[in-house]
N, C-alpha and C. Protein backbone atom coordinates (compact mmCIF):
# COMPACT_ATOMS: atom_id res chain seq x y z
N MET A 1 25.20 48.21 42.78
CA MET A 1 24.20 48.15 41.66
C MET A 1 22.80 48.44 42.15
N THR A 2 21.95 49.09 41.55
CA THR A 2 20.71 49.37 42.22
C THR A 2 19.48 48.16 41.64
N ILE A 3 18.78 47.91 42.16
CA ILE A 3 17.38 46.92 41.66
C ILE A 3 17.45 47.36 40.23
N SER A 4 17.34 48.55 39.68
CA SER A 4 17.13 48.84 38.28
C SER A 4 18.16 47.94 37.49
N GLY A 5 19.38 48.27 37.90
CA GLY A 5 20.45 47.79 37.22
C GLY A 5 20.39 46.42 37.14
N TYR A 6 20.14 45.77 38.31
CA TYR A 6 20.04 43.99 38.15
C TYR A 6 18.69 43.70 37.27
N LEU A 7 17.83 44.45 37.27
CA LEU A 7 16.57 43.93 36.41
C LEU A 7 17.01 44.38 34.93
N ARG A 8 17.90 45.42 34.73
CA ARG A 8 18.35 45.53 33.35
C ARG A 8 19.48 44.63 32.82
N LEU A 9 20.33 44.10 33.89
CA LEU A 9 20.96 42.85 33.70
C LEU A 9 20.25 41.62 33.16
N ALA A 10 19.26 41.32 33.98
CA ALA A 10 18.62 40.18 33.65
C ALA A 10 17.89 40.21 32.34
N ALA A 11 17.31 41.56 32.24
CA ALA A 11 16.70 41.69 30.82
C ALA A 11 17.64 41.49 29.74
N CYS A 12 18.87 41.75 29.93
CA CYS A 12 20.01 41.52 28.78
C CYS A 12 20.10 40.02 28.58
N VAL A 13 20.38 39.38 29.64
CA VAL A 13 20.59 37.90 29.85
C VAL A 13 19.62 37.09 29.20
N VAL A 14 18.23 37.39 29.66
CA VAL A 14 17.04 36.77 29.03
C VAL A 14 16.85 37.06 27.65
N ALA A 15 17.27 38.41 27.15
CA ALA A 15 16.70 38.44 25.89
C ALA A 15 18.06 37.50 24.72
N CYS A 16 19.11 37.54 25.44
CA CYS A 16 20.03 36.61 24.54
C CYS A 16 19.67 35.33 24.83
N LEU A 17 19.32 34.69 25.79
CA LEU A 17 19.05 33.39 26.00
C LEU A 17 17.49 32.97 25.01
N ALA A 18 16.97 34.02 25.24
CA ALA A 18 15.81 33.87 24.32
C ALA A 18 15.91 33.84 23.03
N ALA A 19 17.06 34.59 22.34
CA ALA A 19 17.46 34.12 20.85
C ALA A 19 17.75 32.78 20.75
N GLY A 20 18.52 32.33 21.78
CA GLY A 20 19.08 30.95 21.58
C GLY A 20 17.97 30.07 21.64
N PHE A 21 17.08 30.13 22.51
CA PHE A 21 15.64 29.60 22.45
C PHE A 21 14.94 29.54 21.25
N LEU A 22 14.95 30.78 20.29
CA LEU A 22 14.08 30.81 19.43
C LEU A 22 14.90 30.01 18.24
N GLY A 23 16.35 30.07 18.15
CA GLY A 23 17.32 29.25 17.03
C GLY A 23 16.94 27.76 17.41
N SER A 24 16.55 27.44 18.78
CA SER A 24 16.80 25.93 18.84
C SER A 24 15.22 25.30 18.41
N PHE A 25 14.48 26.08 18.14
CA PHE A 25 13.30 25.60 17.41
C PHE A 25 13.41 25.23 16.14
N PHE A 26 14.44 25.53 15.37
CA PHE A 26 14.87 25.23 14.14
C PHE A 26 15.64 23.87 14.35
N THR A 27 16.56 23.96 15.30
CA THR A 27 17.54 22.89 15.40
C THR A 27 16.96 21.49 15.89
N ARG A 28 16.33 21.61 16.73
CA ARG A 28 15.40 20.52 17.49
C ARG A 28 14.89 19.37 16.65
N ALA A 29 14.37 19.63 15.68
CA ALA A 29 13.62 18.89 14.81
C ALA A 29 14.69 17.98 13.86
N SER A 30 15.76 18.81 13.54
CA SER A 30 16.60 18.40 12.48
C SER A 30 17.81 17.66 13.06
N VAL A 31 18.05 17.86 14.45
CA VAL A 31 19.23 17.33 15.12
C VAL A 31 19.37 15.69 15.10
N SER A 32 18.05 15.18 15.57
CA SER A 32 18.27 13.61 15.91
C SER A 32 17.83 13.18 14.36
N THR A 33 17.62 13.72 13.16
CA THR A 33 17.36 13.16 12.06
C THR A 33 18.15 13.65 10.95
N TRP A 34 17.86 14.57 10.21
CA TRP A 34 18.83 15.04 9.24
C TRP A 34 20.03 15.30 9.28
N TYR A 35 20.60 16.31 10.58
CA TYR A 35 21.95 16.40 10.93
C TYR A 35 22.72 15.10 11.03
N ARG A 36 22.04 14.08 11.84
CA ARG A 36 22.98 12.73 12.07
C ARG A 36 23.31 12.25 10.81
N GLU A 37 22.53 12.42 9.76
CA GLU A 37 22.75 11.46 8.55
C GLU A 37 23.84 12.22 7.79
N LEU A 38 24.12 13.55 8.02
CA LEU A 38 25.28 14.21 7.25
C LEU A 38 26.50 13.84 7.21
N ARG A 39 27.35 13.77 6.40
CA ARG A 39 28.73 13.28 6.64
C ARG A 39 29.38 14.65 7.35
N LYS A 40 30.10 14.38 8.06
CA LYS A 40 30.77 15.64 8.79
C LYS A 40 32.42 15.10 8.86
N PRO A 41 33.25 16.57 9.03
CA PRO A 41 34.54 16.08 9.29
C PRO A 41 35.02 15.63 10.65
N ALA A 42 36.34 15.04 10.56
CA ALA A 42 37.01 14.46 11.80
C ALA A 42 36.81 15.60 13.05
N PHE A 43 36.88 16.61 12.95
CA PHE A 43 37.10 17.53 13.80
C PHE A 43 35.63 18.12 14.40
N ASN A 44 34.52 17.59 13.99
CA ASN A 44 33.19 17.56 14.46
C ASN A 44 33.12 17.39 15.97
N PRO A 45 32.75 18.23 16.64
CA PRO A 45 32.25 17.84 18.19
C PRO A 45 31.34 17.16 18.36
N PRO A 46 31.12 16.41 19.66
CA PRO A 46 30.05 15.50 20.02
C PRO A 46 28.67 16.29 20.09
N GLU A 47 27.55 16.09 19.85
CA GLU A 47 26.38 16.73 19.83
C GLU A 47 25.85 17.52 21.03
N TRP A 48 26.35 16.77 22.17
CA TRP A 48 25.94 17.35 23.35
C TRP A 48 26.94 18.44 23.93
N ILE A 49 28.05 18.77 23.21
CA ILE A 49 28.82 20.03 23.46
C ILE A 49 28.14 21.34 23.09
N PHE A 50 27.19 21.32 22.10
CA PHE A 50 26.73 22.37 21.53
C PHE A 50 25.78 23.31 22.44
N GLY A 51 25.06 22.54 23.15
CA GLY A 51 23.94 23.12 24.16
C GLY A 51 24.56 23.87 25.35
N PRO A 52 25.63 23.32 26.05
CA PRO A 52 26.21 23.93 27.11
C PRO A 52 27.06 25.17 26.44
N VAL A 53 27.85 24.90 25.46
CA VAL A 53 28.91 26.14 24.99
C VAL A 53 27.70 27.37 24.50
N TRP A 54 26.62 27.01 23.83
CA TRP A 54 25.65 28.08 23.32
C TRP A 54 25.33 28.88 24.80
N THR A 55 24.97 28.02 25.83
CA THR A 55 24.47 28.67 26.73
C THR A 55 25.22 29.62 27.43
N VAL A 56 26.38 29.16 27.50
CA VAL A 56 27.59 30.04 28.20
C VAL A 56 27.95 31.20 27.32
N LEU A 57 27.88 31.15 26.16
CA LEU A 57 28.07 32.30 25.17
C LEU A 57 26.71 33.27 25.31
N TYR A 58 25.60 32.77 25.36
CA TYR A 58 24.52 33.66 25.21
C TYR A 58 24.61 34.46 26.77
N LEU A 59 24.84 33.93 27.83
CA LEU A 59 25.16 34.45 28.96
C LEU A 59 26.14 35.51 28.96
N MET A 60 27.25 35.31 28.52
CA MET A 60 28.35 36.41 28.32
C MET A 60 27.82 37.53 27.29
N MET A 61 27.08 36.99 26.28
CA MET A 61 26.53 38.04 25.38
C MET A 61 25.67 39.08 26.10
N GLY A 62 24.74 38.43 26.96
CA GLY A 62 23.76 39.18 27.94
C GLY A 62 24.57 40.18 28.58
N VAL A 63 25.58 39.80 29.25
CA VAL A 63 26.58 40.66 30.43
C VAL A 63 27.22 41.68 29.46
N ALA A 64 27.66 41.44 28.32
CA ALA A 64 28.27 42.28 27.62
C ALA A 64 27.23 43.46 27.22
N LEU A 65 26.09 42.92 26.56
CA LEU A 65 25.15 44.07 26.26
C LEU A 65 24.73 44.89 27.57
N PHE A 66 24.73 44.50 28.58
CA PHE A 66 24.38 45.15 29.81
C PHE A 66 25.46 46.33 29.96
N LEU A 67 26.70 45.81 30.00
CA LEU A 67 27.71 46.88 30.37
C LEU A 67 27.80 47.75 29.11
N VAL A 68 27.36 47.81 28.36
CA VAL A 68 27.27 48.71 26.98
C VAL A 68 25.75 49.65 27.47
N ILE A 69 24.94 48.94 27.61
CA ILE A 69 23.83 49.72 27.55
C ILE A 69 23.52 50.69 28.96
N ARG A 70 24.30 50.18 30.02
CA ARG A 70 24.19 50.59 31.28
C ARG A 70 24.75 52.06 31.06
N GLU A 71 25.55 52.47 30.02
CA GLU A 71 25.95 53.72 29.75
C GLU A 71 25.02 54.74 29.57
N GLY A 72 23.88 54.22 29.03
CA GLY A 72 22.88 55.09 28.56
C GLY A 72 22.57 55.30 27.03
N PHE A 73 21.32 55.39 26.57
CA PHE A 73 21.19 55.47 25.27
C PHE A 73 21.42 56.94 24.83
N LYS A 74 21.92 57.94 25.36
CA LYS A 74 21.93 59.24 25.18
C LYS A 74 23.03 59.56 24.12
N THR A 75 24.05 58.67 24.21
CA THR A 75 25.26 58.80 23.30
C THR A 75 25.05 57.93 21.78
N PRO A 76 25.39 58.63 20.75
CA PRO A 76 25.35 57.86 19.57
C PRO A 76 26.19 56.54 19.60
N ALA A 77 27.22 56.64 20.17
CA ALA A 77 28.01 55.32 20.33
C ALA A 77 27.15 54.02 20.89
N VAL A 78 26.67 54.44 21.77
CA VAL A 78 25.76 53.33 22.66
C VAL A 78 24.87 52.98 21.73
N ARG A 79 23.87 53.89 21.15
CA ARG A 79 22.91 53.42 20.13
C ARG A 79 23.47 52.68 18.96
N ALA A 80 24.49 53.07 18.54
CA ALA A 80 25.13 52.20 17.37
C ALA A 80 25.73 50.78 17.69
N ALA A 81 26.17 50.87 18.93
CA ALA A 81 26.77 49.53 19.34
C ALA A 81 25.46 48.52 19.68
N PHE A 82 24.40 49.00 20.22
CA PHE A 82 23.27 48.48 20.61
C PHE A 82 22.49 47.96 19.37
N ALA A 83 22.34 48.75 18.26
CA ALA A 83 21.84 48.33 16.92
C ALA A 83 22.78 47.36 16.18
N VAL A 84 23.91 47.46 16.06
CA VAL A 84 24.89 46.43 15.58
C VAL A 84 24.62 44.94 16.41
N PHE A 85 24.49 45.05 17.79
CA PHE A 85 24.54 43.89 18.66
C PHE A 85 23.20 43.06 18.25
N ILE A 86 22.10 43.89 18.02
CA ILE A 86 20.73 43.48 17.87
C ILE A 86 20.88 42.73 16.24
N VAL A 87 21.45 43.41 15.35
CA VAL A 87 21.53 42.96 13.93
C VAL A 87 22.14 41.36 14.22
N GLN A 88 23.51 41.26 14.98
CA GLN A 88 24.17 40.14 15.01
C GLN A 88 23.16 39.01 15.82
N LEU A 89 22.53 39.35 16.60
CA LEU A 89 21.64 38.49 17.32
C LEU A 89 20.62 37.88 16.31
N VAL A 90 19.99 38.72 15.71
CA VAL A 90 19.02 38.23 14.55
C VAL A 90 19.62 37.22 13.52
N LEU A 91 21.00 37.46 13.18
CA LEU A 91 21.79 36.86 12.30
C LEU A 91 22.01 35.60 12.85
N ASN A 92 22.16 35.67 14.10
CA ASN A 92 22.73 34.25 15.00
C ASN A 92 21.39 33.23 14.99
N ILE A 93 20.08 34.09 15.08
CA ILE A 93 18.81 33.11 14.94
C ILE A 93 18.71 32.58 13.42
N THR A 94 19.08 33.64 12.55
CA THR A 94 18.86 33.05 11.22
C THR A 94 19.64 31.95 10.67
N TRP A 95 20.98 31.89 11.20
CA TRP A 95 21.77 30.90 10.74
C TRP A 95 21.02 29.44 11.23
N SER A 96 20.53 29.43 12.45
CA SER A 96 19.96 28.05 12.95
C SER A 96 18.68 27.76 11.99
N ALA A 97 17.94 29.04 11.40
CA ALA A 97 16.92 28.61 10.65
C ALA A 97 17.26 28.34 9.05
N LEU A 98 18.64 28.62 8.59
CA LEU A 98 18.96 28.32 7.29
C LEU A 98 19.62 26.88 7.47
N PHE A 99 20.63 26.48 8.52
CA PHE A 99 21.22 25.33 8.54
C PHE A 99 20.31 24.27 8.78
N PHE A 100 19.58 24.24 9.86
CA PHE A 100 18.63 23.33 10.31
C PHE A 100 17.06 23.39 9.96
N GLY A 101 16.73 24.68 9.87
CA GLY A 101 15.38 24.58 9.68
C GLY A 101 15.03 24.30 7.90
N LEU A 102 15.92 25.14 7.17
CA LEU A 102 15.94 24.87 5.58
C LEU A 102 16.72 23.83 5.08
N LYS A 103 17.68 23.08 6.09
CA LYS A 103 18.67 22.04 5.79
C LYS A 103 19.51 22.50 4.67
N SER A 104 20.02 23.78 4.69
CA SER A 104 20.90 24.30 3.62
C SER A 104 22.13 24.96 4.17
N PRO A 105 23.11 24.06 4.26
CA PRO A 105 24.55 24.26 4.87
C PRO A 105 25.11 25.34 3.84
N GLY A 106 24.90 25.41 2.73
CA GLY A 106 25.44 26.39 1.75
C GLY A 106 24.96 27.69 2.04
N ALA A 107 23.62 27.87 2.07
CA ALA A 107 23.17 29.33 2.54
C ALA A 107 23.44 29.69 3.89
N ALA A 108 23.49 28.80 4.89
CA ALA A 108 23.87 29.06 6.01
C ALA A 108 25.58 29.51 6.29
N PHE A 109 26.32 28.76 5.45
CA PHE A 109 27.77 29.07 5.25
C PHE A 109 27.89 30.77 4.80
N ALA A 110 27.09 31.12 3.82
CA ALA A 110 27.19 32.39 3.15
C ALA A 110 26.87 33.45 4.49
N GLU A 111 25.58 32.93 5.35
CA GLU A 111 25.06 33.67 6.34
C GLU A 111 26.05 33.80 7.41
N ILE A 112 26.90 32.76 7.81
CA ILE A 112 27.54 32.86 8.89
C ILE A 112 28.66 33.80 8.77
N VAL A 113 29.25 34.06 7.42
CA VAL A 113 30.34 34.74 7.09
C VAL A 113 29.57 36.40 7.51
N VAL A 114 28.51 36.75 7.37
CA VAL A 114 28.06 37.84 7.64
C VAL A 114 27.80 38.09 9.16
N LEU A 115 27.58 36.98 9.79
CA LEU A 115 27.26 36.95 11.30
C LEU A 115 28.65 37.08 11.69
N TRP A 116 29.61 36.67 11.46
CA TRP A 116 31.10 36.89 11.88
C TRP A 116 31.20 38.24 11.62
N ALA A 117 31.22 38.81 10.66
CA ALA A 117 31.50 40.32 10.51
C ALA A 117 30.59 41.12 11.28
N ALA A 118 29.58 40.76 11.49
CA ALA A 118 28.43 41.30 12.58
C ALA A 118 29.00 41.31 14.07
N ILE A 119 29.51 40.14 14.28
CA ILE A 119 30.11 40.17 15.81
C ILE A 119 31.43 40.83 16.01
N ALA A 120 32.15 40.87 14.70
CA ALA A 120 33.37 41.71 14.57
C ALA A 120 33.04 43.20 14.95
N ALA A 121 32.05 43.64 14.25
CA ALA A 121 31.74 45.03 14.18
C ALA A 121 31.11 45.45 15.46
N THR A 122 30.34 44.63 16.44
CA THR A 122 30.07 44.49 17.80
C THR A 122 30.97 44.80 18.58
N ILE A 123 32.06 43.80 18.55
CA ILE A 123 33.27 44.04 19.24
C ILE A 123 33.78 45.50 19.02
N ALA A 124 34.12 45.78 18.13
CA ALA A 124 34.57 47.13 17.64
C ALA A 124 33.90 48.34 18.29
N LEU A 125 32.52 48.14 18.05
CA LEU A 125 31.86 49.16 18.55
C LEU A 125 31.61 49.13 20.35
N PHE A 126 31.73 47.95 20.86
CA PHE A 126 31.39 47.71 22.30
C PHE A 126 32.91 48.42 23.00
N LYS A 127 33.95 48.14 22.37
CA LYS A 127 35.39 48.42 23.01
C LYS A 127 35.53 49.71 23.32
N PRO A 128 35.26 50.74 22.83
CA PRO A 128 35.37 52.17 23.50
C PRO A 128 34.40 52.49 24.51
N ILE A 129 33.57 51.81 24.54
CA ILE A 129 32.43 52.03 25.77
C ILE A 129 32.76 51.21 26.81
N SER A 130 33.06 49.90 26.84
CA SER A 130 33.36 49.21 27.64
C SER A 130 34.40 47.69 26.97
N THR A 131 35.56 47.86 27.56
CA THR A 131 36.46 46.85 27.11
C THR A 131 36.12 45.30 27.67
N ALA A 132 35.46 45.56 28.75
CA ALA A 132 35.05 44.26 29.37
C ALA A 132 33.96 43.58 28.42
N ALA A 133 32.95 44.58 28.21
CA ALA A 133 31.96 43.70 27.12
C ALA A 133 32.61 43.50 25.94
N ALA A 134 33.40 44.25 25.31
CA ALA A 134 34.02 43.59 24.11
C ALA A 134 34.81 42.38 24.40
N ALA A 135 35.51 42.25 25.40
CA ALA A 135 36.16 40.91 25.77
C ALA A 135 35.28 39.73 26.03
N LEU A 136 34.24 40.14 26.70
CA LEU A 136 33.06 39.00 26.72
C LEU A 136 32.79 38.33 25.59
N LEU A 137 33.03 39.32 24.59
CA LEU A 137 32.46 38.70 23.21
C LEU A 137 33.55 37.93 22.48
N ILE A 138 34.85 37.76 22.84
CA ILE A 138 35.87 37.02 22.08
C ILE A 138 35.59 35.67 22.07
N PRO A 139 35.00 35.04 23.17
CA PRO A 139 34.92 33.48 23.07
C PRO A 139 33.64 33.25 21.98
N TYR A 140 32.78 34.34 21.78
CA TYR A 140 31.62 34.21 20.97
C TYR A 140 31.94 34.28 19.42
N ILE A 141 32.99 35.06 19.13
CA ILE A 141 33.65 35.14 17.92
C ILE A 141 34.59 34.07 17.59
N LEU A 142 35.20 33.61 18.34
CA LEU A 142 36.02 32.21 18.38
C LEU A 142 35.21 31.01 18.12
N TRP A 143 34.12 30.95 18.78
CA TRP A 143 33.34 29.87 18.42
C TRP A 143 32.72 29.90 17.24
N VAL A 144 32.27 31.25 16.63
CA VAL A 144 31.76 31.37 15.54
C VAL A 144 32.55 31.05 14.26
N THR A 145 33.83 31.40 14.57
CA THR A 145 34.88 31.07 13.81
C THR A 145 35.13 29.63 13.38
N PHE A 146 35.01 28.97 14.53
CA PHE A 146 34.99 27.49 14.55
C PHE A 146 33.80 26.83 13.76
N ALA A 147 32.63 27.51 14.23
CA ALA A 147 31.59 26.98 13.55
C ALA A 147 31.50 27.62 12.03
N SER A 148 32.06 28.47 11.43
CA SER A 148 32.06 28.60 10.16
C SER A 148 32.78 27.64 9.41
N VAL A 149 34.04 27.32 9.76
CA VAL A 149 34.92 26.28 9.61
C VAL A 149 34.05 24.70 9.37
N LEU A 150 33.44 24.38 10.52
CA LEU A 150 32.72 23.49 10.59
C LEU A 150 31.48 23.34 9.38
N ASN A 151 30.85 24.49 9.35
CA ASN A 151 29.71 24.76 8.23
C ASN A 151 30.18 24.33 7.07
N PHE A 152 31.40 25.19 6.79
CA PHE A 152 31.88 24.87 5.34
C PHE A 152 32.33 23.68 5.09
N ALA A 153 32.85 22.93 5.82
CA ALA A 153 33.17 21.51 5.78
C ALA A 153 32.02 20.44 5.58
N ILE A 154 31.06 20.78 6.23
CA ILE A 154 29.64 19.90 6.12
C ILE A 154 28.91 20.14 5.03
N TRP A 155 29.13 21.67 4.43
CA TRP A 155 28.40 21.94 2.97
C TRP A 155 29.39 21.12 1.95
N ARG A 156 30.57 21.22 1.94
CA ARG A 156 31.42 20.59 0.95
C ARG A 156 31.32 18.88 1.25
N LEU A 157 31.20 18.44 2.10
CA LEU A 157 31.13 16.87 2.18
C LEU A 157 29.71 16.34 1.81
N ASN A 158 28.76 17.42 1.83
CA ASN A 158 27.32 16.93 1.49
C ASN A 158 26.96 17.59 0.35
């Protein structure tokens, strides 16, 4: 890989990590206060697990994005895959804003359903371009599936 390839890879990873960082602005203030006071289901993971899991997922998302855009923006398939990827990334940040920022598990649940669909669409669009890129997003959709169930349970319990 050339130096420009490594720079593009780094830019993709940094962009995804930056999305996580943006989402954390909404999370930080509420995790130690509002979130701790919520009733949660028995399957709620310990708080410390979320940071490492999301960091790994954002890294994988960045690599997946790189594998797709390195094919070039000349083809409509790459442009469409990139656009849907950006949509799901914005939805990812939005979920944090709704759940933690606005303290609205109900609105966050409605939004996470849309996020899940956007991730599924991203995987579908990535697969013809790079099966490895699509595979890198499988843990992400699995985690968001779990997060959806958790979000729904918290909404119902509170």
